Amino acid sequence: ATMLASRSARLGSCARKLTRAQLPHVARARLASVPARTPERTAELERLAEEHNGFLFGEVPPPEGQERVKEDWEYYFPQMMAAGFVIWGFIYVNQPYSCVEDWAMEEAKRRIALREAEEA
């Protein structure tokens, strides 16, 4: 927990900070870029739903009393997703420092210590 807390503290110093007053403007700008739903688009979506019989992925459920037959990839999908998340988490936690401010602070401390050692 302390490792993650210190990591978030390090990343927080590098991240762009928005004030509370700026947040509504950012949200408004993002929403302005999304076009409104037009009647033509609504009609197109309804036509597609009718064409695919309204079922998810156009797959009709099996008759009563029968079980759905899985495809080959469906057996391994949950395990592969879990493994991917574990690998991603490991890489995220162990990634190198990439913040210029952290590097500059370490370099400044090293130079100050070097200068003090030369003067003494």
C-alpha atoms as a PDB file:
ATOM      1  CA  ALA A   1       0.000   0.000   0.000  1.00  0.00           C
ATOM      2  CA  THR A   2       2.815   2.415   0.783  1.00  0.00           C
ATOM      3  CA  MET A   3       4.427   1.604  -2.550  1.00  0.00           C
ATOM      4  CA  LEU A   4       1.248   2.519  -4.397  1.00  0.00           C
ATOM      5  CA  ALA A   5       0.728   5.622  -2.246  1.00  0.00           C
ATOM      6  CA  SER A   6       4.232   6.883  -2.917  1.00  0.00           C
ATOM      7  CA  ARG A   7       3.787   6.123  -6.629  1.00  0.00           C
ATOM      8  CA  SER A   8       0.567   8.133  -6.778  1.00  0.00           C
ATOM      9  CA  ALA A   9       2.313  10.980  -4.961  1.00  0.00           C
ATOM     10  CA  ARG A  10       5.112  10.921  -7.529  1.00  0.00           C
ATOM     11  CA  LEU A  11       2.722  10.794 -10.444  1.00  0.00           C
ATOM     12  CA  GLY A  12       0.581  13.529  -8.903  1.00  0.00           C
ATOM     13  CA  SER A  13       3.441  16.007  -9.048  1.00  0.00           C
ATOM     14  CA  CYS A  14       3.803  15.458 -12.791  1.00  0.00           C
ATOM     15  CA  ALA A  15       0.169  15.294 -13.809  1.00  0.00           C
ATOM     16  CA  ARG A  16      -1.597  18.338 -15.207  1.00  0.00           C
ATOM     17  CA  LYS A  17      -3.757  19.802 -12.485  1.00  0.00           C
ATOM     18  CA  LEU A  18      -7.124  21.387 -13.199  1.00  0.00           C
ATOM     19  CA  THR A  19      -8.843  23.660 -10.753  1.00  0.00           C
ATOM     20  CA  ARG A  20     -12.477  23.176  -9.825  1.00  0.00           C
ATOM     21  CA  ALA A  21     -13.390  26.199 -11.938  1.00  0.00           C
ATOM     22  CA  GLN A  22     -11.786  24.696 -15.061  1.00  0.00           C
ATOM     23  CA  LEU A  23     -13.543  21.309 -14.874  1.00  0.00           C
ATOM     24  CA  PRO A  24     -16.969  22.408 -16.207  1.00  0.00           C
ATOM     25  CA  HIS A  25     -15.278  24.098 -19.184  1.00  0.00           C
ATOM     26  CA  VAL A  26     -13.329  20.941 -20.035  1.00  0.00           C
ATOM     27  CA  ALA A  27     -16.471  18.789 -19.782  1.00  0.00           C
ATOM     28  CA  ARG A  28     -18.468  21.244 -21.883  1.00  0.00           C
ATOM     29  CA  ALA A  29     -15.770  21.282 -24.569  1.00  0.00           C
ATOM     30  CA  ARG A  30     -15.722  17.480 -24.733  1.00  0.00           C
ATOM     31  CA  LEU A  31     -19.506  17.264 -24.965  1.00  0.00           C
ATOM     32  CA  ALA A  32     -19.559  19.892 -27.706  1.00  0.00           C
ATOM     33  CA  SER A  33     -17.431  17.641 -29.899  1.00  0.00           C
ATOM     34  CA  VAL A  34     -20.015  14.803 -29.700  1.00  0.00           C
ATOM     35  CA  PRO A  35     -22.720  15.221 -32.357  1.00  0.00           C
ATOM     36  CA  ALA A  36     -26.356  15.055 -31.272  1.00  0.00           C
ATOM     37  CA  ARG A  37     -28.425  11.998 -32.262  1.00  0.00           C
ATOM     38  CA  THR A  38     -30.180  12.774 -35.519  1.00  0.00           C
ATOM     39  CA  PRO A  39     -33.437  11.173 -36.683  1.00  0.00           C
ATOM     40  CA  GLU A  40     -31.522   9.579 -39.563  1.00  0.00           C
ATOM     41  CA  ARG A  41     -29.057   7.932 -37.170  1.00  0.00           C
ATOM     42  CA  THR A  42     -31.895   6.738 -34.941  1.00  0.00           C
ATOM     43  CA  ALA A  43     -33.664   5.208 -37.962  1.00  0.00           C
ATOM     44  CA  GLU A  44     -30.426   3.518 -39.031  1.00  0.00           C
ATOM     45  CA  LEU A  45     -29.908   2.007 -35.576  1.00  0.00           C
ATOM     46  CA  GLU A  46     -33.507   0.753 -35.462  1.00  0.00           C
ATOM     47  CA  ARG A  47     -33.077  -0.815 -38.923  1.00  0.00           C
ATOM     48  CA  LEU A  48     -29.907  -2.579 -37.776  1.00  0.00           C
ATOM     49  CA  ALA A  49     -31.657  -3.896 -34.652  1.00  0.00           C
ATOM     50  CA  GLU A  50     -34.498  -5.303 -36.772  1.00  0.00           C
ATOM     51  CA  GLU A  51     -32.039  -6.798 -39.256  1.00  0.00           C
ATOM     52  CA  HIS A  52     -30.192  -8.633 -36.466  1.00  0.00           C
ATOM     53  CA  ASN A  53     -33.445  -9.817 -34.858  1.00  0.00           C
ATOM     54  CA  GLY A  54     -32.824  -7.794 -31.676  1.00  0.00           C
ATOM     55  CA  PHE A  55     -30.590 -10.422 -30.033  1.00  0.00           C
ATOM     56  CA  LEU A  56     -27.045  -9.786 -28.875  1.00  0.00           C
ATOM     57  CA  PHE A  57     -24.637 -10.394 -31.790  1.00  0.00           C
ATOM     58  CA  GLY A  58     -27.615 -11.676 -33.808  1.00  0.00           C
ATOM     59  CA  GLU A  59     -27.375 -15.013 -31.992  1.00  0.00           C
ATOM     60  CA  VAL A  60     -30.760 -16.626 -31.401  1.00  0.00           C
ATOM     61  CA  PRO A  61     -31.106 -18.351 -28.010  1.00  0.00           C
ATOM     62  CA  PRO A  62     -31.311 -22.160 -28.127  1.00  0.00           C
ATOM     63  CA  PRO A  63     -34.679 -23.896 -27.760  1.00  0.00           C
ATOM     64  CA  GLU A  64     -36.030 -24.577 -24.260  1.00  0.00           C
ATOM     65  CA  GLY A  65     -34.116 -27.363 -22.502  1.00  0.00           C
ATOM     66  CA  GLN A  66     -31.022 -27.139 -24.693  1.00  0.00           C
ATOM     67  CA  GLU A  67     -27.752 -25.550 -23.647  1.00  0.00           C
ATOM     68  CA  ARG A  68     -25.880 -23.069 -25.787  1.00  0.00           C
ATOM     69  CA  VAL A  69     -22.739 -24.494 -27.425  1.00  0.00           C
ATOM     70  CA  LYS A  70     -19.683 -22.348 -26.751  1.00  0.00           C
ATOM     71  CA  GLU A  71     -17.170 -21.509 -29.440  1.00  0.00           C
ATOM     72  CA  ASP A  72     -13.520 -22.487 -28.934  1.00  0.00           C
ATOM     73  CA  TRP A  73     -12.282 -19.031 -27.940  1.00  0.00           C
ATOM     74  CA  GLU A  74     -14.952 -18.630 -25.241  1.00  0.00           C
ATOM     75  CA  TYR A  75     -13.332 -21.240 -22.991  1.00  0.00           C
ATOM     76  CA  TYR A  76     -10.004 -19.394 -22.716  1.00  0.00           C
ATOM     77  CA  PHE A  77     -11.203 -15.775 -22.781  1.00  0.00           C
ATOM     78  CA  PRO A  78     -11.718 -15.207 -18.994  1.00  0.00           C
ATOM     79  CA  GLN A  79      -8.354 -16.734 -18.075  1.00  0.00           C
ATOM     80  CA  MET A  80      -6.515 -14.774 -20.753  1.00  0.00           C
ATOM     81  CA  MET A  81      -8.167 -11.509 -19.674  1.00  0.00           C
ATOM     82  CA  ALA A  82      -7.237 -12.153 -16.038  1.00  0.00           C
ATOM     83  CA  ALA A  83      -3.636 -12.952 -17.018  1.00  0.00           C
ATOM     84  CA  GLY A  84      -3.508  -9.789 -19.115  1.00  0.00           C
ATOM     85  CA  PHE A  85      -4.675  -7.654 -16.191  1.00  0.00           C
ATOM     86  CA  VAL A  86      -2.114  -9.247 -13.871  1.00  0.00           C
ATOM     87  CA  ILE A  87       0.696  -8.641 -16.375  1.00  0.00           C
ATOM     88  CA  TRP A  88      -0.475  -5.051 -16.952  1.00  0.00           C
ATOM     89  CA  GLY A  89      -0.587  -4.419 -13.184  1.00  0.00           C
ATOM     90  CA  PHE A  90       2.922  -5.815 -12.724  1.00  0.00           C
ATOM     91  CA  ILE A  91       4.293  -3.656 -15.528  1.00  0.00           C
ATOM     92  CA  TYR A  92       2.446  -0.561 -14.253  1.00  0.00           C
ATOM     93  CA  VAL A  93       3.765  -0.944 -10.704  1.00  0.00           C
ATOM     94  CA  ASN A  94       7.344  -1.602 -11.878  1.00  0.00           C
ATOM     95  CA  GLN A  95       7.596   0.978 -14.649  1.00  0.00           C
ATOM     96  CA  PRO A  96      10.557   3.362 -14.444  1.00  0.00           C
ATOM     97  CA  TYR A  97      10.194   6.955 -13.384  1.00  0.00           C
ATOM     98  CA  SER A  98       9.291   9.116 -16.335  1.00  0.00           C
ATOM     99  CA  CYS A  99       8.726  12.472 -14.694  1.00  0.00           C
ATOM    100  CA  VAL A 100      11.166  15.241 -15.596  1.00  0.00           C
ATOM    101  CA  GLU A 101      10.601  16.991 -12.263  1.00  0.00           C
ATOM    102  CA  ASP A 102      11.696  13.888 -10.311  1.00  0.00           C
ATOM    103  CA  TRP A 103      14.838  13.543 -12.406  1.00  0.00           C
ATOM    104  CA  ALA A 104      15.613  17.268 -12.038  1.00  0.00           C
ATOM    105  CA  MET A 105      15.173  17.118  -8.257  1.00  0.00           C
ATOM    106  CA  GLU A 106      17.529  14.133  -7.954  1.00  0.00           C
ATOM    107  CA  GLU A 107      20.071  15.800 -10.243  1.00  0.00           C
ATOM    108  CA  ALA A 108      19.909  19.062  -8.262  1.00  0.00           C
ATOM    109  CA  LYS A 109      20.430  17.226  -4.964  1.00  0.00           C
ATOM    110  CA  ARG A 110      23.384  15.339  -6.461  1.00  0.00           C
ATOM    111  CA  ARG A 111      24.983  18.566  -7.708  1.00  0.00           C
ATOM    112  CA  ILE A 112      24.438  20.362  -4.368  1.00  0.00           C
ATOM    113  CA  ALA A 113      26.026  17.435  -2.510  1.00  0.00           C
ATOM    114  CA  LEU A 114      28.951  17.449  -4.961  1.00  0.00           C
ATOM    115  CA  ARG A 115      29.449  21.224  -4.551  1.00  0.00           C
ATOM    116  CA  GLU A 116      29.314  20.948  -0.741  1.00  0.00           C
ATOM    117  CA  ALA A 117      31.874  18.118  -0.840  1.00  0.00           C
ATOM    118  CA  GLU A 118      34.239  20.250  -2.967  1.00  0.00           C
ATOM    119  CA  GLU A 119      33.937  23.256  -0.611  1.00  0.00           C
ATOM    120  CA  ALA A 120      34.616  21.192   2.500  1.00  0.00           C
END
